[in-house]
Amino acid sequence: MDVSVRLEELEGSGGWWIARVAGELDIASAPRLREELIVCISAGHADIVLDLTDVVFLDSTGLGVIVGVLKRARTLGGDLRLVCPGASIRRVFEITALDRTMPLATNGRRGPGRSPG
């Protein structure tokens, strides 16, 4: 299964963008996510909500891309927020303790505030 990424500006969010990701985020598909998010950040949109609601699989390559995007966004004064309602995907962040670096929201209804979820 491939990955799809939809990027759009969040209305009324003060410049935040949302990337809705669907499919499998693995060694084959992670470079596409990296490319799309780096283009977004390079265009001056360094505040991104990464919505993983429709991600069915996440491996270490996908996780590495997410960490790399977080570092790039923060280097440019932005940030990355995650929406991760699925228990299996959420567990990957908990096992690696990345949930301490990137707070996980279970839905995107509260927007990109400091404590999403």
Protein backbone atom coordinates (compact mmCIF):
# COMPACT_ATOMS: atom_id res chain seq x y z
CA MET A 1 0.00 0.00 0.00
CA ASP A 2 1.24 3.47 -0.85
CA VAL A 3 0.96 6.60 1.24
CA SER A 4 -1.07 9.67 0.36
CA VAL A 5 -0.49 13.13 1.79
CA ARG A 6 -2.94 16.04 1.63
CA LEU A 7 -1.65 19.43 2.75
CA GLU A 8 -3.88 22.41 3.46
CA GLU A 9 -3.82 25.52 5.61
CA LEU A 10 -5.89 25.35 8.80
CA GLU A 11 -8.32 28.25 8.78
CA GLY A 12 -8.13 30.55 11.77
CA SER A 13 -5.01 28.84 13.11
CA GLY A 14 -2.48 31.61 12.69
CA GLY A 15 -0.61 29.99 9.81
CA TRP A 16 -0.66 26.31 10.79
CA TRP A 17 -0.90 23.72 8.03
CA ILE A 18 -2.29 20.20 8.31
CA ALA A 19 -0.86 17.17 6.54
CA ARG A 20 -3.38 14.33 6.40
CA VAL A 21 -1.49 11.10 5.85
CA ALA A 22 -3.13 7.82 4.80
CA GLY A 23 -1.78 4.35 4.10
CA GLU A 24 1.47 2.70 5.13
CA LEU A 25 4.36 4.88 6.21
CA ASP A 26 7.36 2.62 5.63
CA ILE A 27 10.74 2.42 3.91
CA ALA A 28 9.09 2.58 0.49
CA SER A 29 6.71 5.47 1.14
CA ALA A 30 8.40 7.61 3.82
CA PRO A 31 10.54 9.56 1.32
CA ARG A 32 7.35 10.91 -0.29
CA LEU A 33 6.12 12.22 3.06
CA ARG A 34 9.53 13.78 3.75
CA GLU A 35 9.56 15.48 0.36
CA GLU A 36 6.07 16.95 0.70
CA LEU A 37 6.65 18.23 4.24
CA ILE A 38 10.06 19.71 3.42
CA VAL A 39 8.52 21.58 0.47
CA CYS A 40 5.85 22.94 2.83
CA ILE A 41 8.41 24.00 5.45
CA SER A 42 10.73 25.49 2.82
CA ALA A 43 7.83 27.61 1.56
CA GLY A 44 7.66 29.23 5.01
CA HIS A 45 5.00 27.01 6.56
CA ALA A 46 6.96 25.54 9.49
CA ASP A 47 3.98 24.98 11.81
CA ILE A 48 2.42 21.66 10.81
CA VAL A 49 -0.17 19.32 12.28
CA LEU A 50 0.58 15.80 11.09
CA ASP A 51 -2.69 13.84 11.09
CA LEU A 52 -1.91 10.11 11.25
CA THR A 53 -5.54 9.03 11.69
CA ASP A 54 -5.56 7.01 8.46
CA VAL A 55 -2.05 5.54 8.77
CA VAL A 56 -2.31 1.75 9.09
CA PHE A 57 1.40 0.95 9.46
CA LEU A 58 4.46 2.88 10.65
CA ASP A 59 8.01 1.53 10.62
CA SER A 60 11.31 3.00 11.83
CA THR A 61 11.92 4.77 8.51
CA GLY A 62 8.58 6.56 8.79
CA LEU A 63 9.34 7.43 12.39
CA GLY A 64 12.73 8.80 11.33
CA VAL A 65 11.10 11.02 8.72
CA ILE A 66 8.72 12.43 11.34
CA VAL A 67 11.62 13.17 13.73
CA GLY A 68 13.60 14.79 10.90
CA VAL A 69 10.66 16.99 9.94
CA LEU A 70 10.20 17.98 13.59
CA LYS A 71 13.86 19.04 13.81
CA ARG A 72 13.68 21.00 10.55
CA ALA A 73 10.47 22.78 11.60
CA ARG A 74 11.88 23.72 15.00
CA THR A 75 15.14 24.94 13.45
CA LEU A 76 13.05 27.41 11.44
CA GLY A 77 11.00 28.51 14.45
CA GLY A 78 8.05 26.25 13.74
CA ASP A 79 6.69 23.12 15.35
CA LEU A 80 5.07 19.78 14.59
CA ARG A 81 1.93 18.45 16.28
CA LEU A 82 0.63 14.92 15.84
CA VAL A 83 -2.91 13.60 15.66
CA CYS A 84 -2.68 9.91 16.40
CA PRO A 85 -5.91 8.22 17.53
CA GLY A 86 -4.98 4.63 16.56
CA ALA A 87 -3.63 2.54 19.43
CA SER A 88 -1.07 0.64 17.34
CA ILE A 89 0.47 3.76 15.79
CA ARG A 90 0.31 5.61 19.11
CA ARG A 91 2.14 2.73 20.77
CA VAL A 92 5.15 3.22 18.46
CA PHE A 93 5.56 6.76 19.80
CA GLU A 94 5.12 5.60 23.40
CA ILE A 95 7.65 2.74 23.13
CA THR A 96 10.26 5.08 21.66
CA ALA A 97 9.39 7.84 24.20
CA LEU A 98 8.78 10.22 21.31
CA ASP A 99 5.38 11.03 22.79
CA ARG A 100 7.35 13.17 25.28
CA THR A 101 8.91 15.19 22.46
CA MET A 102 5.82 15.38 20.28
CA PRO A 103 2.57 15.38 22.26
CA LEU A 104 -0.04 13.12 20.67
CA ALA A 105 -3.62 14.24 20.18
CA THR A 106 -6.39 11.72 19.65
CA ASN A 107 -8.22 14.12 17.34
CA GLY A 108 -7.65 17.43 15.64
CA ARG A 109 -10.67 19.27 17.00
CA ARG A 110 -8.68 21.47 19.39
CA GLY A 111 -6.34 22.61 16.63
CA PRO A 112 -2.60 23.11 17.01
CA GLY A 113 -2.52 24.50 20.54
CA ARG A 114 0.27 23.64 22.92
CA SER A 115 -1.56 20.56 24.23
CA PRO A 116 -3.47 19.02 21.33
CA GLY A 117 -5.97 16.31 21.97
